[in-house]
């Protein structure tokens, strides 16, 4: 496997200018680009409708919400890694509520080095999700090919009186003779009889 540096897109949802400046400086030294800052949940949701991010950092509380629903929605409905920063006195309660959703919760008193380590963990998790998404897409594509080939076999059985083995062999032979995939032949058979 080839090792290469990847840039990770980040959205920071925070109303604190001081925090935003600090996180921009901290992440600017790493492999994060673009970094988009939103100051409330409403604007974050609008931005998320337009594009996705590899990592979303939520600096709680926000002017319009604590940020819990945003964190859980992102974790459940997207492949973004979510880092939720909570006040020290609320950390244990919020962590207990967010962990079941796969949200990393960190106290605001965490060091810059610790935040970077968590970011690297989120990026590593994002890479695993990327590979799983790729495998899932490949499996879904293969299943769709099987469905199309089976549909073509049924048409050959009903329209040409072949049995299942003959229909299978016919599709394979046509694909080999034409130097195309079985799916391509199956799709042409389906089109021909529809």
C-alpha atoms as a PDB file:
ATOM      1  CA  UNK A   1       0.000   0.000   0.000  1.00  0.00           C
ATOM      2  CA  UNK A   2       1.382   3.359  -1.009  1.00  0.00           C
ATOM      3  CA  UNK A   3       1.761   5.923   1.774  1.00  0.00           C
ATOM      4  CA  UNK A   4       0.892   9.442   0.761  1.00  0.00           C
ATOM      5  CA  UNK A   5      -0.227  12.560   2.503  1.00  0.00           C
ATOM      6  CA  UNK A   6      -3.879  13.390   2.190  1.00  0.00           C
ATOM      7  CA  UNK A   7      -5.559  16.683   2.879  1.00  0.00           C
ATOM      8  CA  UNK A   8      -8.612  16.511   5.122  1.00  0.00           C
ATOM      9  CA  UNK A   9     -11.475  18.977   4.925  1.00  0.00           C
ATOM     10  CA  UNK A  10     -12.559  20.420   8.256  1.00  0.00           C
ATOM     11  CA  UNK A  11     -15.527  22.441   9.418  1.00  0.00           C
ATOM     12  CA  UNK A  12     -15.229  24.225  12.749  1.00  0.00           C
ATOM     13  CA  UNK A  13     -18.517  25.187  14.393  1.00  0.00           C
ATOM     14  CA  UNK A  14     -17.658  27.722  17.067  1.00  0.00           C
ATOM     15  CA  UNK A  15     -18.830  31.160  18.179  1.00  0.00           C
ATOM     16  CA  UNK A  16     -15.516  31.920  19.917  1.00  0.00           C
ATOM     17  CA  UNK A  17     -13.166  34.013  17.768  1.00  0.00           C
ATOM     18  CA  UNK A  18     -10.280  33.179  20.100  1.00  0.00           C
ATOM     19  CA  UNK A  19     -10.901  29.441  19.687  1.00  0.00           C
ATOM     20  CA  UNK A  20     -11.311  29.826  15.923  1.00  0.00           C
ATOM     21  CA  UNK A  21      -7.979  31.666  15.619  1.00  0.00           C
ATOM     22  CA  UNK A  22      -6.249  29.075  17.805  1.00  0.00           C
ATOM     23  CA  UNK A  23      -7.655  26.081  15.908  1.00  0.00           C
ATOM     24  CA  UNK A  24      -6.782  27.665  12.542  1.00  0.00           C
ATOM     25  CA  UNK A  25      -3.176  28.118  13.666  1.00  0.00           C
ATOM     26  CA  UNK A  26      -3.051  24.610  15.097  1.00  0.00           C
ATOM     27  CA  UNK A  27      -4.545  22.860  12.075  1.00  0.00           C
ATOM     28  CA  UNK A  28      -2.745  25.055   9.568  1.00  0.00           C
ATOM     29  CA  UNK A  29       0.466  23.255  10.490  1.00  0.00           C
ATOM     30  CA  UNK A  30      -1.036  19.890   9.602  1.00  0.00           C
ATOM     31  CA  UNK A  31      -2.786  18.373   6.551  1.00  0.00           C
ATOM     32  CA  UNK A  32      -6.110  20.156   6.787  1.00  0.00           C
ATOM     33  CA  UNK A  33      -7.597  22.088   3.886  1.00  0.00           C
ATOM     34  CA  UNK A  34     -10.075  23.612   3.412  1.00  0.00           C
ATOM     35  CA  UNK A  35     -10.979  24.702   6.917  1.00  0.00           C
ATOM     36  CA  UNK A  36     -14.438  26.273   7.040  1.00  0.00           C
ATOM     37  CA  UNK A  37     -15.642  28.140  10.113  1.00  0.00           C
ATOM     38  CA  UNK A  38     -19.313  28.508  10.992  1.00  0.00           C
ATOM     39  CA  UNK A  39     -20.467  30.324  14.112  1.00  0.00           C
ATOM     40  CA  UNK A  40     -23.771  28.557  14.791  1.00  0.00           C
ATOM     41  CA  UNK A  41     -25.677  25.339  14.144  1.00  0.00           C
ATOM     42  CA  UNK A  42     -27.993  26.916  11.572  1.00  0.00           C
ATOM     43  CA  UNK A  43     -25.178  28.121   9.303  1.00  0.00           C
ATOM     44  CA  UNK A  44     -23.308  24.835   9.826  1.00  0.00           C
ATOM     45  CA  UNK A  45     -26.362  22.898   8.633  1.00  0.00           C
ATOM     46  CA  UNK A  46     -26.654  25.125   5.545  1.00  0.00           C
ATOM     47  CA  UNK A  47     -22.995  24.523   4.703  1.00  0.00           C
ATOM     48  CA  UNK A  48     -23.397  20.774   5.236  1.00  0.00           C
ATOM     49  CA  UNK A  49     -26.222  20.731   2.688  1.00  0.00           C
ATOM     50  CA  UNK A  50     -23.744  22.034   0.103  1.00  0.00           C
ATOM     51  CA  UNK A  51     -20.794  19.776   0.891  1.00  0.00           C
ATOM     52  CA  UNK A  52     -19.414  17.214   3.307  1.00  0.00           C
ATOM     53  CA  UNK A  53     -16.311  17.398   5.473  1.00  0.00           C
ATOM     54  CA  UNK A  54     -13.870  14.762   6.661  1.00  0.00           C
ATOM     55  CA  UNK A  55     -13.892  16.184  10.195  1.00  0.00           C
ATOM     56  CA  UNK A  56     -16.301  18.505  12.007  1.00  0.00           C
ATOM     57  CA  UNK A  57     -15.196  20.203  15.238  1.00  0.00           C
ATOM     58  CA  UNK A  58     -18.001  21.517  17.443  1.00  0.00           C
ATOM     59  CA  UNK A  59     -16.997  23.974  20.167  1.00  0.00           C
ATOM     60  CA  UNK A  60     -19.946  23.853  22.559  1.00  0.00           C
ATOM     61  CA  UNK A  61     -22.063  25.742  23.513  1.00  0.00           C
ATOM     62  CA  UNK A  62     -23.154  27.600  20.406  1.00  0.00           C
ATOM     63  CA  UNK A  63     -25.425  30.674  20.245  1.00  0.00           C
ATOM     64  CA  UNK A  64     -28.423  28.727  18.935  1.00  0.00           C
ATOM     65  CA  UNK A  65     -27.884  25.291  20.500  1.00  0.00           C
ATOM     66  CA  UNK A  66     -25.525  23.187  22.587  1.00  0.00           C
ATOM     67  CA  UNK A  67     -24.573  21.298  19.436  1.00  0.00           C
ATOM     68  CA  UNK A  68     -25.603  17.802  20.560  1.00  0.00           C
ATOM     69  CA  UNK A  69     -28.107  17.270  17.747  1.00  0.00           C
ATOM     70  CA  UNK A  70     -25.622  18.494  15.150  1.00  0.00           C
ATOM     71  CA  UNK A  71     -22.976  16.104  16.507  1.00  0.00           C
ATOM     72  CA  UNK A  72     -25.267  13.080  16.620  1.00  0.00           C
ATOM     73  CA  UNK A  73     -26.855  13.812  13.234  1.00  0.00           C
ATOM     74  CA  UNK A  74     -23.427  14.108  11.625  1.00  0.00           C
ATOM     75  CA  UNK A  75     -22.194  10.923  13.218  1.00  0.00           C
ATOM     76  CA  UNK A  76     -25.281   8.925  12.235  1.00  0.00           C
ATOM     77  CA  UNK A  77     -25.983  10.379   8.779  1.00  0.00           C
ATOM     78  CA  UNK A  78     -22.539  11.115   7.354  1.00  0.00           C
ATOM     79  CA  UNK A  79     -19.050   9.693   7.272  1.00  0.00           C
ATOM     80  CA  UNK A  80     -17.552  12.783   8.917  1.00  0.00           C
ATOM     81  CA  UNK A  81     -15.503  12.318  12.060  1.00  0.00           C
ATOM     82  CA  UNK A  82     -16.947  14.494  14.830  1.00  0.00           C
ATOM     83  CA  UNK A  83     -14.959  16.135  17.626  1.00  0.00           C
ATOM     84  CA  UNK A  84     -17.111  17.734  20.316  1.00  0.00           C
ATOM     85  CA  UNK A  85     -15.426  20.136  22.748  1.00  0.00           C
ATOM     86  CA  UNK A  86     -17.318  20.480  26.031  1.00  0.00           C
ATOM     87  CA  UNK A  87     -16.878  22.602  29.139  1.00  0.00           C
ATOM     88  CA  UNK A  88     -15.086  20.663  31.880  1.00  0.00           C
ATOM     89  CA  UNK A  89     -18.123  20.696  34.197  1.00  0.00           C
ATOM     90  CA  UNK A  90     -20.344  19.236  31.433  1.00  0.00           C
ATOM     91  CA  UNK A  91     -17.801  16.833  29.949  1.00  0.00           C
ATOM     92  CA  UNK A  92     -18.920  13.599  31.679  1.00  0.00           C
ATOM     93  CA  UNK A  93     -22.632  14.146  31.015  1.00  0.00           C
ATOM     94  CA  UNK A  94     -22.127  15.127  27.352  1.00  0.00           C
ATOM     95  CA  UNK A  95     -19.569  12.377  26.764  1.00  0.00           C
ATOM     96  CA  UNK A  96     -22.036   9.771  28.080  1.00  0.00           C
ATOM     97  CA  UNK A  97     -24.668  11.059  25.653  1.00  0.00           C
ATOM     98  CA  UNK A  98     -22.358  11.309  22.616  1.00  0.00           C
ATOM     99  CA  UNK A  99     -20.182   8.180  22.863  1.00  0.00           C
ATOM    100  CA  UNK A 100     -22.994   5.820  21.738  1.00  0.00           C
ATOM    101  CA  UNK A 101     -23.106   7.788  18.474  1.00  0.00           C
ATOM    102  CA  UNK A 102     -19.358   7.554  17.872  1.00  0.00           C
ATOM    103  CA  UNK A 103     -18.625  11.199  18.659  1.00  0.00           C
ATOM    104  CA  UNK A 104     -15.209  11.984  20.177  1.00  0.00           C
ATOM    105  CA  UNK A 105     -15.791  14.227  23.187  1.00  0.00           C
ATOM    106  CA  UNK A 106     -12.925  16.251  24.643  1.00  0.00           C
ATOM    107  CA  UNK A 107     -12.791  18.731  27.499  1.00  0.00           C
ATOM    108  CA  UNK A 108     -12.009  22.307  26.474  1.00  0.00           C
ATOM    109  CA  UNK A 109      -9.013  22.168  28.824  1.00  0.00           C
ATOM    110  CA  UNK A 110      -7.280  19.623  26.584  1.00  0.00           C
ATOM    111  CA  UNK A 111      -3.848  20.574  25.297  1.00  0.00           C
ATOM    112  CA  UNK A 112      -3.182  21.505  21.688  1.00  0.00           C
ATOM    113  CA  UNK A 113      -1.089  18.336  21.340  1.00  0.00           C
ATOM    114  CA  UNK A 114      -4.008  16.206  22.546  1.00  0.00           C
ATOM    115  CA  UNK A 115      -6.397  17.909  20.105  1.00  0.00           C
ATOM    116  CA  UNK A 116      -3.973  17.119  17.257  1.00  0.00           C
ATOM    117  CA  UNK A 117      -3.788  13.483  18.374  1.00  0.00           C
ATOM    118  CA  UNK A 118      -7.582  13.236  18.374  1.00  0.00           C
ATOM    119  CA  UNK A 119      -7.648  14.845  14.915  1.00  0.00           C
ATOM    120  CA  UNK A 120      -5.209  12.202  13.659  1.00  0.00           C
ATOM    121  CA  UNK A 121      -7.422   9.478  15.146  1.00  0.00           C
ATOM    122  CA  UNK A 122     -10.456  10.969  13.404  1.00  0.00           C
ATOM    123  CA  UNK A 123      -8.554  11.075  10.107  1.00  0.00           C
ATOM    124  CA  UNK A 124      -7.422   7.461  10.541  1.00  0.00           C
ATOM    125  CA  UNK A 125     -11.030   6.471  11.210  1.00  0.00           C
ATOM    126  CA  UNK A 126     -12.103   8.449   8.137  1.00  0.00           C
ATOM    127  CA  UNK A 127      -9.631   6.461   6.005  1.00  0.00           C
ATOM    128  CA  UNK A 128     -11.078   3.184   7.289  1.00  0.00           C
ATOM    129  CA  UNK A 129     -14.569   4.418   6.431  1.00  0.00           C
ATOM    130  CA  UNK A 130     -13.373   5.430   2.956  1.00  0.00           C
ATOM    131  CA  UNK A 131     -12.070   1.909   2.333  1.00  0.00           C
ATOM    132  CA  UNK A 132     -15.291   0.362   3.641  1.00  0.00           C
ATOM    133  CA  UNK A 133     -17.376   2.675   1.427  1.00  0.00           C
ATOM    134  CA  UNK A 134     -15.289   1.615  -1.562  1.00  0.00           C
ATOM    135  CA  UNK A 135     -15.781  -2.083  -0.731  1.00  0.00           C
ATOM    136  CA  UNK A 136     -19.501  -1.560  -0.200  1.00  0.00           C
ATOM    137  CA  UNK A 137     -19.811   0.180  -3.557  1.00  0.00           C
ATOM    138  CA  UNK A 138     -17.938  -2.698  -5.205  1.00  0.00           C
ATOM    139  CA  UNK A 139     -20.203  -5.300  -3.590  1.00  0.00           C
ATOM    140  CA  UNK A 140     -23.322  -3.332  -4.569  1.00  0.00           C
ATOM    141  CA  UNK A 141     -22.050  -3.079  -8.143  1.00  0.00           C
ATOM    142  CA  UNK A 142     -21.418  -6.837  -8.241  1.00  0.00           C
ATOM    143  CA  UNK A 143     -24.896  -7.535  -6.832  1.00  0.00           C
ATOM    144  CA  UNK A 144     -26.456  -5.305  -9.489  1.00  0.00           C
ATOM    145  CA  UNK A 145     -24.503  -7.203 -12.166  1.00  0.00           C
ATOM    146  CA  UNK A 146     -25.843 -10.498 -10.802  1.00  0.00           C
ATOM    147  CA  UNK A 147     -29.411  -9.109 -10.874  1.00  0.00           C
ATOM    148  CA  UNK A 148     -29.056  -7.986 -14.507  1.00  0.00           C
ATOM    149  CA  UNK A 149     -27.528 -11.324 -15.559  1.00  0.00           C
ATOM    150  CA  UNK A 150     -30.307 -13.230 -13.763  1.00  0.00           C
ATOM    151  CA  UNK A 151     -32.946 -11.067 -15.459  1.00  0.00           C
ATOM    152  CA  UNK A 152     -31.332 -11.851 -18.836  1.00  0.00           C
ATOM    153  CA  UNK A 153     -31.244 -15.571 -18.011  1.00  0.00           C
ATOM    154  CA  UNK A 154     -34.954 -15.522 -17.173  1.00  0.00           C
ATOM    155  CA  UNK A 155     -35.686 -13.819 -20.483  1.00  0.00           C
ATOM    156  CA  UNK A 156     -33.602 -16.404 -22.384  1.00  0.00           C
ATOM    157  CA  UNK A 157     -35.424 -19.191 -20.552  1.00  0.00           C
ATOM    158  CA  UNK A 158     -38.876 -17.749 -21.268  1.00  0.00           C
ATOM    159  CA  UNK A 159     -38.244 -16.362 -24.770  1.00  0.00           C
ATOM    160  CA  UNK A 160     -35.823 -18.908 -26.244  1.00  0.00           C
ATOM    161  CA  UNK A 161     -36.747 -22.005 -24.276  1.00  0.00           C
ATOM    162  CA  UNK A 162     -33.271 -22.453 -22.779  1.00  0.00           C
ATOM    163  CA  UNK A 163     -32.690 -24.000 -19.388  1.00  0.00           C
ATOM    164  CA  UNK A 164     -30.737 -22.119 -16.688  1.00  0.00           C
ATOM    165  CA  UNK A 165     -27.376 -23.724 -17.528  1.00  0.00           C
ATOM    166  CA  UNK A 166     -27.800 -23.009 -21.251  1.00  0.00           C
ATOM    167  CA  UNK A 167     -28.762 -19.392 -20.588  1.00  0.00           C
ATOM    168  CA  UNK A 168     -25.753 -18.973 -18.303  1.00  0.00           C
ATOM    169  CA  UNK A 169     -23.409 -20.519 -20.861  1.00  0.00           C
ATOM    170  CA  UNK A 170     -24.905 -18.391 -23.656  1.00  0.00           C
ATOM    171  CA  UNK A 171     -24.268 -15.141 -21.745  1.00  0.00           C
ATOM    172  CA  UNK A 172     -20.717 -16.198 -20.816  1.00  0.00           C
ATOM    173  CA  UNK A 173     -19.885 -17.251 -24.391  1.00  0.00           C
ATOM    174  CA  UNK A 174     -21.284 -14.037 -25.883  1.00  0.00           C
ATOM    175  CA  UNK A 175     -19.263 -11.993 -23.385  1.00  0.00           C
ATOM    176  CA  UNK A 176     -16.034 -13.878 -24.182  1.00  0.00           C
ATOM    177  CA  UNK A 177     -16.579 -13.758 -27.942  1.00  0.00           C
ATOM    178  CA  UNK A 178     -17.345 -10.027 -27.857  1.00  0.00           C
ATOM    179  CA  UNK A 179     -14.642  -9.161 -25.281  1.00  0.00           C
ATOM    180  CA  UNK A 180     -17.177  -7.431 -23.050  1.00  0.00           C
ATOM    181  CA  UNK A 181     -18.552  -8.112 -19.584  1.00  0.00           C
ATOM    182  CA  UNK A 182     -21.399 -10.489 -18.847  1.00  0.00           C
ATOM    183  CA  UNK A 183     -23.325  -7.466 -17.612  1.00  0.00           C
ATOM    184  CA  UNK A 184     -23.021  -5.750 -21.014  1.00  0.00           C
ATOM    185  CA  UNK A 185     -24.380  -8.832 -22.791  1.00  0.00           C
ATOM    186  CA  UNK A 186     -27.120  -9.240 -20.180  1.00  0.00           C
ATOM    187  CA  UNK A 187     -28.180  -5.596 -20.582  1.00  0.00           C
ATOM    188  CA  UNK A 188     -28.420  -6.017 -24.366  1.00  0.00           C
ATOM    189  CA  UNK A 189     -30.548  -9.156 -23.909  1.00  0.00           C
ATOM    190  CA  UNK A 190     -32.855  -7.313 -21.497  1.00  0.00           C
ATOM    191  CA  UNK A 191     -33.185  -4.417 -23.980  1.00  0.00           C
ATOM    192  CA  UNK A 192     -33.883  -6.812 -26.845  1.00  0.00           C
ATOM    193  CA  UNK A 193     -36.794  -8.519 -25.071  1.00  0.00           C
ATOM    194  CA  UNK A 194     -38.325  -5.436 -23.433  1.00  0.00           C
END
